[in-house]
Amino acid sequence: MTPQRIYQELKDLPNESLVEVWQFIEFIRFKNKETPFGQVVKLGGLLADYQVDITEDDVSQARQEMWGNFGELNE
């Protein structure tokens, strides 16, 4: 695929479709752009000012409540 081939195909599209093509180009640019969302954010100490004590049992129980019936059909 070459830019010339893409350009030729674009010329054959109706004008109404060019908006969709432009939106797709913008999406590809956004997807390939480096953003801070791809960076690791360290959360250590985030809840230090709150009286929160989350144990492994708490996490296990929450997982069981959320995912315990995952995949089962409700009848």
C-alpha atoms as a PDB file:
ATOM      1  CA  MET A   1       0.000   0.000   0.000  1.00  0.00           C
ATOM      2  CA  THR A   2       1.393   3.388  -0.956  1.00  0.00           C
ATOM      3  CA  PRO A   3       0.246   6.947  -0.271  1.00  0.00           C
ATOM      4  CA  GLN A   4      -0.424   7.324  -3.992  1.00  0.00           C
ATOM      5  CA  ARG A   5      -2.738   4.296  -3.972  1.00  0.00           C
ATOM      6  CA  ILE A   6      -4.595   5.610  -0.938  1.00  0.00           C
ATOM      7  CA  TYR A   7      -4.908   9.024  -2.572  1.00  0.00           C
ATOM      8  CA  GLN A   8      -6.345   7.428  -5.722  1.00  0.00           C
ATOM      9  CA  GLU A   9      -8.898   5.516  -3.667  1.00  0.00           C
ATOM     10  CA  LEU A  10      -9.827   8.694  -1.780  1.00  0.00           C
ATOM     11  CA  LYS A  11     -10.477  10.530  -5.035  1.00  0.00           C
ATOM     12  CA  ASP A  12     -13.036   7.881  -5.974  1.00  0.00           C
ATOM     13  CA  LEU A  13     -15.013   8.201  -2.738  1.00  0.00           C
ATOM     14  CA  PRO A  14     -18.112  10.404  -2.519  1.00  0.00           C
ATOM     15  CA  ASN A  15     -17.532  13.673  -0.661  1.00  0.00           C
ATOM     16  CA  GLU A  16     -19.861  12.568   2.151  1.00  0.00           C
ATOM     17  CA  SER A  17     -17.486   9.712   2.995  1.00  0.00           C
ATOM     18  CA  LEU A  18     -14.483  11.972   3.404  1.00  0.00           C
ATOM     19  CA  VAL A  19     -15.668  13.045   6.852  1.00  0.00           C
ATOM     20  CA  GLU A  20     -15.531   9.429   8.002  1.00  0.00           C
ATOM     21  CA  VAL A  21     -12.081   8.997   6.493  1.00  0.00           C
ATOM     22  CA  TRP A  22     -10.886  12.127   8.311  1.00  0.00           C
ATOM     23  CA  GLN A  23     -12.309  10.880  11.616  1.00  0.00           C
ATOM     24  CA  PHE A  24     -10.507   7.579  11.126  1.00  0.00           C
ATOM     25  CA  ILE A  25      -7.231   9.385  10.417  1.00  0.00           C
ATOM     26  CA  GLU A  26      -7.670  11.417  13.599  1.00  0.00           C
ATOM     27  CA  PHE A  27      -8.340   8.210  15.547  1.00  0.00           C
ATOM     28  CA  ILE A  28      -5.160   6.599  14.213  1.00  0.00           C
ATOM     29  CA  ARG A  29      -3.155   9.691  15.139  1.00  0.00           C
ATOM     30  CA  PHE A  30      -4.635   9.675  18.645  1.00  0.00           C
ATOM     31  CA  LYS A  31      -4.007   5.947  19.062  1.00  0.00           C
ATOM     32  CA  ASN A  32      -0.367   6.257  18.047  1.00  0.00           C
ATOM     33  CA  LYS A  33       0.370   9.387  20.057  1.00  0.00           C
ATOM     34  CA  GLU A  34       2.316   8.900  23.265  1.00  0.00           C
ATOM     35  CA  THR A  35       0.164  10.039  26.137  1.00  0.00           C
ATOM     36  CA  PRO A  36       0.600  10.127  29.891  1.00  0.00           C
ATOM     37  CA  PHE A  37      -2.045   7.378  30.030  1.00  0.00           C
ATOM     38  CA  GLY A  38       0.600   4.889  28.938  1.00  0.00           C
ATOM     39  CA  GLN A  39       2.869   5.826  31.816  1.00  0.00           C
ATOM     40  CA  VAL A  40       2.949   3.949  35.102  1.00  0.00           C
ATOM     41  CA  VAL A  41       1.460   5.872  37.999  1.00  0.00           C
ATOM     42  CA  LYS A  42       2.634   4.810  41.429  1.00  0.00           C
ATOM     43  CA  LEU A  43      -0.240   4.765  43.899  1.00  0.00           C
ATOM     44  CA  GLY A  44       1.739   4.002  47.021  1.00  0.00           C
ATOM     45  CA  GLY A  45       0.515   6.199  49.867  1.00  0.00           C
ATOM     46  CA  LEU A  46      -2.534   7.416  47.940  1.00  0.00           C
ATOM     47  CA  LEU A  47      -4.846   6.550  50.825  1.00  0.00           C
ATOM     48  CA  ALA A  48      -2.384   7.435  53.596  1.00  0.00           C
ATOM     49  CA  ASP A  49      -4.571  10.261  54.946  1.00  0.00           C
ATOM     50  CA  TYR A  50      -7.614   7.996  55.219  1.00  0.00           C
ATOM     51  CA  GLN A  51      -8.336   5.338  57.798  1.00  0.00           C
ATOM     52  CA  VAL A  52      -8.448   2.504  55.257  1.00  0.00           C
ATOM     53  CA  ASP A  53      -7.233  -0.989  55.996  1.00  0.00           C
ATOM     54  CA  ILE A  54      -7.888  -3.322  53.066  1.00  0.00           C
ATOM     55  CA  THR A  55      -6.791  -6.891  53.685  1.00  0.00           C
ATOM     56  CA  GLU A  56      -6.244  -9.795  51.307  1.00  0.00           C
ATOM     57  CA  ASP A  57      -9.485 -11.281  52.638  1.00  0.00           C
ATOM     58  CA  ASP A  58     -11.342  -8.071  51.721  1.00  0.00           C
ATOM     59  CA  VAL A  59      -9.959  -8.236  48.179  1.00  0.00           C
ATOM     60  CA  SER A  60     -10.790 -11.941  47.909  1.00  0.00           C
ATOM     61  CA  GLN A  61     -14.348 -11.359  49.099  1.00  0.00           C
ATOM     62  CA  ALA A  62     -14.845  -8.468  46.664  1.00  0.00           C
ATOM     63  CA  ARG A  63     -13.554 -10.599  43.796  1.00  0.00           C
ATOM     64  CA  GLN A  64     -15.902 -13.423  44.760  1.00  0.00           C
ATOM     65  CA  GLU A  65     -18.867 -11.026  44.879  1.00  0.00           C
ATOM     66  CA  MET A  66     -17.989  -9.530  41.501  1.00  0.00           C
ATOM     67  CA  TRP A  67     -16.840 -12.585  39.597  1.00  0.00           C
ATOM     68  CA  GLY A  68     -18.225 -15.531  41.547  1.00  0.00           C
ATOM     69  CA  ASN A  69     -21.009 -16.285  39.069  1.00  0.00           C
ATOM     70  CA  PHE A  70     -19.190 -15.143  35.950  1.00  0.00           C
ATOM     71  CA  GLY A  71     -19.987 -17.365  33.017  1.00  0.00           C
ATOM     72  CA  GLU A  72     -23.033 -18.966  34.620  1.00  0.00           C
ATOM     73  CA  LEU A  73     -26.409 -18.447  32.991  1.00  0.00           C
ATOM     74  CA  ASN A  74     -29.194 -17.002  35.116  1.00  0.00           C
ATOM     75  CA  GLU A  75     -32.298 -19.157  34.804  1.00  0.00           C
END
